[in-house]
Amino acid sequence: MESAVAKKKAVASNDEELFVGTAESEHVEMYLKAIWYIREKGDDVKVSSIAKLLNVTQPSVVQMLRKLDGSQLVRYTKGSVEMTGEGDRIGRQMMRNTRLLEVLMRDALKIEIDEEMVCGIEHHMKNIFTDALCTLLKHPRNCPHGHAIPKGKCCS
């Protein structure tokens, strides 16, 4: 997520640039992705449903929701979680990245979908890469699990 993820730049000995995403930004993206997914299913976004999906404690969810509220990515009040426009954009993009990577693994690479690998990659995909991947895969509409893949600019 280009704007949402803080990146550090390091220069290796032969002037190769290395970019390292912060664990904190990936954590934020996972919460936004989970909230987006719960909302996509048509369920109410509750602390308990986020905790169950992410396999974390409810107090941890409350702490993160407060942080996301402070960053204006969600509006959180006791009993209510709503995504802001920016939070929705990030959650949607994370879900798009995930589902396109799943299609890539199954259909193009002909390998078993490795969710751990997908989770490791999805945080580091820039929009230009995601759109190129979508185009390469011929703009798939559904992931291997049958869920809709959010459209990108390349799908217009």
C-alpha atoms as a PDB file:
ATOM      1  CA  MET A   1       0.000   0.000   0.000  1.00  0.00           C
ATOM      2  CA  GLU A   2       1.935   2.920  -1.294  1.00  0.00           C
ATOM      3  CA  SER A   3       0.535   5.724   0.841  1.00  0.00           C
ATOM      4  CA  ALA A   4      -0.498   3.685   3.860  1.00  0.00           C
ATOM      5  CA  VAL A   5       2.692   1.774   4.473  1.00  0.00           C
ATOM      6  CA  ALA A   6       5.700   3.535   5.881  1.00  0.00           C
ATOM      7  CA  LYS A   7       8.775   2.325   4.034  1.00  0.00           C
ATOM      8  CA  LYS A   8      12.418   2.563   4.994  1.00  0.00           C
ATOM      9  CA  LYS A   9      15.043   2.734   2.286  1.00  0.00           C
ATOM     10  CA  ALA A  10      18.452   1.168   2.762  1.00  0.00           C
ATOM     11  CA  VAL A  11      21.353   1.139   0.340  1.00  0.00           C
ATOM     12  CA  ALA A  12      23.346  -2.067   0.029  1.00  0.00           C
ATOM     13  CA  SER A  13      27.066  -2.139  -0.706  1.00  0.00           C
ATOM     14  CA  ASN A  14      26.664  -2.150  -4.513  1.00  0.00           C
ATOM     15  CA  ASP A  15      24.075   0.666  -4.509  1.00  0.00           C
ATOM     16  CA  GLU A  16      21.120  -1.726  -4.664  1.00  0.00           C
ATOM     17  CA  GLU A  17      18.154  -0.140  -2.893  1.00  0.00           C
ATOM     18  CA  LEU A  18      16.240  -2.281  -0.435  1.00  0.00           C
ATOM     19  CA  PHE A  19      12.805  -1.380   0.878  1.00  0.00           C
ATOM     20  CA  VAL A  20      11.613  -2.809   4.150  1.00  0.00           C
ATOM     21  CA  GLY A  21       7.973  -2.440   5.199  1.00  0.00           C
ATOM     22  CA  THR A  22       7.306  -1.830   8.849  1.00  0.00           C
ATOM     23  CA  ALA A  23       5.543  -4.521  10.824  1.00  0.00           C
ATOM     24  CA  GLU A  24       3.238  -1.860  12.262  1.00  0.00           C
ATOM     25  CA  SER A  25       1.897  -0.826   8.855  1.00  0.00           C
ATOM     26  CA  GLU A  26       1.264  -4.449   7.886  1.00  0.00           C
ATOM     27  CA  HIS A  27      -0.619  -4.911  11.160  1.00  0.00           C
ATOM     28  CA  VAL A  28      -2.842  -1.932  10.323  1.00  0.00           C
ATOM     29  CA  GLU A  29      -3.493  -3.326   6.850  1.00  0.00           C
ATOM     30  CA  MET A  30      -4.496  -6.722   8.256  1.00  0.00           C
ATOM     31  CA  TYR A  31      -7.114  -5.099  10.490  1.00  0.00           C
ATOM     32  CA  LEU A  32      -8.483  -2.994   7.628  1.00  0.00           C
ATOM     33  CA  LYS A  33      -8.598  -6.059   5.389  1.00  0.00           C
ATOM     34  CA  ALA A  34     -10.461  -8.013   8.081  1.00  0.00           C
ATOM     35  CA  ILE A  35     -12.982  -5.207   8.611  1.00  0.00           C
ATOM     36  CA  TRP A  36     -13.478  -4.876   4.845  1.00  0.00           C
ATOM     37  CA  TYR A  37     -14.018  -8.650   4.542  1.00  0.00           C
ATOM     38  CA  ILE A  38     -16.574  -8.770   7.379  1.00  0.00           C
ATOM     39  CA  ARG A  39     -18.431  -5.850   5.828  1.00  0.00           C
ATOM     40  CA  GLU A  40     -18.279  -7.457   2.367  1.00  0.00           C
ATOM     41  CA  LYS A  41     -20.039 -10.550   3.760  1.00  0.00           C
ATOM     42  CA  GLY A  42     -22.835  -8.278   4.966  1.00  0.00           C
ATOM     43  CA  ASP A  43     -22.117  -8.893   8.648  1.00  0.00           C
ATOM     44  CA  ASP A  44     -21.985  -6.238  11.330  1.00  0.00           C
ATOM     45  CA  VAL A  45     -18.398  -5.335  12.152  1.00  0.00           C
ATOM     46  CA  LYS A  46     -17.985  -6.203  15.817  1.00  0.00           C
ATOM     47  CA  VAL A  47     -14.944  -6.436  18.064  1.00  0.00           C
ATOM     48  CA  SER A  48     -15.683 -10.136  18.560  1.00  0.00           C
ATOM     49  CA  SER A  49     -15.881 -10.853  14.826  1.00  0.00           C
ATOM     50  CA  ILE A  50     -12.578  -9.073  14.151  1.00  0.00           C
ATOM     51  CA  ALA A  51     -10.927 -10.914  17.063  1.00  0.00           C
ATOM     52  CA  LYS A  52     -12.168 -14.277  15.790  1.00  0.00           C
ATOM     53  CA  LEU A  53     -11.086 -13.645  12.197  1.00  0.00           C
ATOM     54  CA  LEU A  54      -7.595 -12.436  13.174  1.00  0.00           C
ATOM     55  CA  ASN A  55      -7.214 -14.885  16.064  1.00  0.00           C
ATOM     56  CA  VAL A  56      -6.421 -12.134  18.575  1.00  0.00           C
ATOM     57  CA  THR A  57      -7.967 -11.047  21.866  1.00  0.00           C
ATOM     58  CA  GLN A  58     -10.846  -8.598  22.022  1.00  0.00           C
ATOM     59  CA  PRO A  59      -8.802  -6.092  24.105  1.00  0.00           C
ATOM     60  CA  SER A  60      -6.158  -6.132  21.336  1.00  0.00           C
ATOM     61  CA  VAL A  61      -8.869  -5.360  18.781  1.00  0.00           C
ATOM     62  CA  VAL A  62     -10.205  -2.461  20.861  1.00  0.00           C
ATOM     63  CA  GLN A  63      -6.683  -1.055  21.188  1.00  0.00           C
ATOM     64  CA  MET A  64      -6.124  -1.240  17.424  1.00  0.00           C
ATOM     65  CA  LEU A  65      -9.553   0.213  16.632  1.00  0.00           C
ATOM     66  CA  ARG A  66      -8.714   3.212  18.800  1.00  0.00           C
ATOM     67  CA  LYS A  67      -5.450   3.613  16.899  1.00  0.00           C
ATOM     68  CA  LEU A  68      -7.237   3.298  13.548  1.00  0.00           C
ATOM     69  CA  ASP A  69      -9.805   5.846  14.727  1.00  0.00           C
ATOM     70  CA  GLY A  70      -6.994   8.234  15.678  1.00  0.00           C
ATOM     71  CA  SER A  71      -5.470   7.750  12.217  1.00  0.00           C
ATOM     72  CA  GLN A  72      -8.891   8.426  10.641  1.00  0.00           C
ATOM     73  CA  LEU A  73      -9.024   5.015   8.983  1.00  0.00           C
ATOM     74  CA  VAL A  74     -12.137   3.946  10.909  1.00  0.00           C
ATOM     75  CA  ARG A  75     -14.722   5.618  13.102  1.00  0.00           C
ATOM     76  CA  TYR A  76     -14.897   3.583  16.281  1.00  0.00           C
ATOM     77  CA  THR A  77     -17.304   4.000  19.151  1.00  0.00           C
ATOM     78  CA  LYS A  78     -18.260   1.300  21.592  1.00  0.00           C
ATOM     79  CA  GLY A  79     -20.408  -1.098  19.573  1.00  0.00           C
ATOM     80  CA  SER A  80     -19.797   0.564  16.206  1.00  0.00           C
ATOM     81  CA  VAL A  81     -17.020   0.305  13.629  1.00  0.00           C
ATOM     82  CA  GLU A  82     -17.268   2.180  10.330  1.00  0.00           C
ATOM     83  CA  MET A  83     -14.524   2.526   7.751  1.00  0.00           C
ATOM     84  CA  THR A  84     -13.569   5.962   6.481  1.00  0.00           C
ATOM     85  CA  GLY A  85     -12.969   6.456   2.776  1.00  0.00           C
ATOM     86  CA  GLU A  86      -9.221   5.947   3.213  1.00  0.00           C
ATOM     87  CA  GLY A  87      -9.696   2.883   5.432  1.00  0.00           C
ATOM     88  CA  ASP A  88     -12.058   1.383   2.870  1.00  0.00           C
ATOM     89  CA  ARG A  89      -9.584   2.076   0.066  1.00  0.00           C
ATOM     90  CA  ILE A  90      -6.764   0.309   1.912  1.00  0.00           C
ATOM     91  CA  GLY A  91      -8.922  -2.670   2.952  1.00  0.00           C
ATOM     92  CA  ARG A  92     -10.261  -3.046  -0.577  1.00  0.00           C
ATOM     93  CA  GLN A  93      -6.762  -2.882  -2.065  1.00  0.00           C
ATOM     94  CA  MET A  94      -5.476  -5.490   0.378  1.00  0.00           C
ATOM     95  CA  MET A  95      -8.340  -7.815  -0.543  1.00  0.00           C
ATOM     96  CA  ARG A  96      -7.702  -7.207  -4.253  1.00  0.00           C
ATOM     97  CA  ASN A  97      -4.004  -8.021  -3.798  1.00  0.00           C
ATOM     98  CA  THR A  98      -4.817 -11.201  -1.861  1.00  0.00           C
ATOM     99  CA  ARG A  99      -7.328 -12.521  -4.347  1.00  0.00           C
ATOM    100  CA  LEU A 100      -5.198 -11.747  -7.397  1.00  0.00           C
ATOM    101  CA  LEU A 101      -2.235 -13.548  -5.808  1.00  0.00           C
ATOM    102  CA  GLU A 102      -4.449 -16.574  -5.166  1.00  0.00           C
ATOM    103  CA  VAL A 103      -5.492 -16.623  -8.840  1.00  0.00           C
ATOM    104  CA  LEU A 104      -1.850 -16.271  -9.870  1.00  0.00           C
ATOM    105  CA  MET A 105      -0.818 -19.262  -7.770  1.00  0.00           C
ATOM    106  CA  ARG A 106      -3.656 -21.538  -8.818  1.00  0.00           C
ATOM    107  CA  ASP A 107      -4.183 -20.638 -12.473  1.00  0.00           C
ATOM    108  CA  ALA A 108      -0.893 -19.253 -13.794  1.00  0.00           C
ATOM    109  CA  LEU A 109       1.741 -20.915 -11.618  1.00  0.00           C
ATOM    110  CA  LYS A 110      -0.268 -24.129 -11.119  1.00  0.00           C
ATOM    111  CA  ILE A 111       0.788 -24.400  -7.484  1.00  0.00           C
ATOM    112  CA  GLU A 112      -1.217 -24.850  -4.317  1.00  0.00           C
ATOM    113  CA  ILE A 113      -2.359 -21.570  -2.799  1.00  0.00           C
ATOM    114  CA  ASP A 114      -0.071 -20.725   0.101  1.00  0.00           C
ATOM    115  CA  GLU A 115      -1.968 -18.248   2.297  1.00  0.00           C
ATOM    116  CA  GLU A 116       1.115 -17.515   4.403  1.00  0.00           C
ATOM    117  CA  MET A 117       3.051 -16.538   1.292  1.00  0.00           C
ATOM    118  CA  VAL A 118       0.124 -14.478  -0.004  1.00  0.00           C
ATOM    119  CA  CYS A 119      -0.019 -12.634   3.311  1.00  0.00           C
ATOM    120  CA  GLY A 120       3.689 -11.897   3.104  1.00  0.00           C
ATOM    121  CA  ILE A 121       3.491 -10.493  -0.430  1.00  0.00           C
ATOM    122  CA  GLU A 122       0.189  -8.595  -0.400  1.00  0.00           C
ATOM    123  CA  HIS A 123       1.532  -5.768   1.784  1.00  0.00           C
ATOM    124  CA  HIS A 124       4.293  -4.901  -0.650  1.00  0.00           C
ATOM    125  CA  MET A 125       2.356  -4.621  -3.896  1.00  0.00           C
ATOM    126  CA  LYS A 126       2.168  -1.189  -5.500  1.00  0.00           C
ATOM    127  CA  ASN A 127      -0.863  -0.306  -7.607  1.00  0.00           C
ATOM    128  CA  ILE A 128       1.149  -0.504 -10.846  1.00  0.00           C
ATOM    129  CA  PHE A 129       2.114  -4.097  -9.989  1.00  0.00           C
ATOM    130  CA  THR A 130      -1.411  -5.072  -8.954  1.00  0.00           C
ATOM    131  CA  ASP A 131      -2.890  -3.661 -12.166  1.00  0.00           C
ATOM    132  CA  ALA A 132      -0.201  -5.381 -14.275  1.00  0.00           C
ATOM    133  CA  LEU A 133      -0.914  -8.682 -12.488  1.00  0.00           C
ATOM    134  CA  CYS A 134      -4.645  -8.264 -13.046  1.00  0.00           C
ATOM    135  CA  THR A 135      -4.055  -7.559 -16.736  1.00  0.00           C
ATOM    136  CA  LEU A 136      -1.708 -10.557 -17.055  1.00  0.00           C
ATOM    137  CA  LEU A 137      -4.399 -12.768 -15.494  1.00  0.00           C
ATOM    138  CA  LYS A 138      -7.025 -11.300 -17.887  1.00  0.00           C
ATOM    139  CA  HIS A 139      -8.951  -9.420 -15.189  1.00  0.00           C
ATOM    140  CA  PRO A 140     -10.386 -12.338 -13.197  1.00  0.00           C
ATOM    141  CA  ARG A 141     -13.678 -11.532 -11.489  1.00  0.00           C
ATOM    142  CA  ASN A 142     -13.504 -14.169  -8.734  1.00  0.00           C
ATOM    143  CA  CYS A 143     -10.788 -15.696  -6.596  1.00  0.00           C
ATOM    144  CA  PRO A 144     -10.383 -19.469  -6.216  1.00  0.00           C
ATOM    145  CA  HIS A 145     -12.655 -19.310  -3.144  1.00  0.00           C
ATOM    146  CA  GLY A 146     -15.464 -17.809  -5.219  1.00  0.00           C
ATOM    147  CA  HIS A 147     -15.261 -14.274  -3.780  1.00  0.00           C
ATOM    148  CA  ALA A 148     -15.404 -11.232  -6.050  1.00  0.00           C
ATOM    149  CA  ILE A 149     -12.114  -9.520  -6.811  1.00  0.00           C
ATOM    150  CA  PRO A 150     -12.473  -5.751  -6.444  1.00  0.00           C
ATOM    151  CA  LYS A 151     -11.920  -4.060  -9.802  1.00  0.00           C
ATOM    152  CA  GLY A 152      -8.974  -1.761 -10.395  1.00  0.00           C
ATOM    153  CA  LYS A 153      -8.404   1.047 -12.894  1.00  0.00           C
ATOM    154  CA  CYS A 154      -7.097  -1.546 -15.357  1.00  0.00           C
ATOM    155  CA  CYS A 155     -10.508  -3.270 -15.425  1.00  0.00           C
ATOM    156  CA  SER A 156     -12.406  -0.290 -16.858  1.00  0.00           C
END
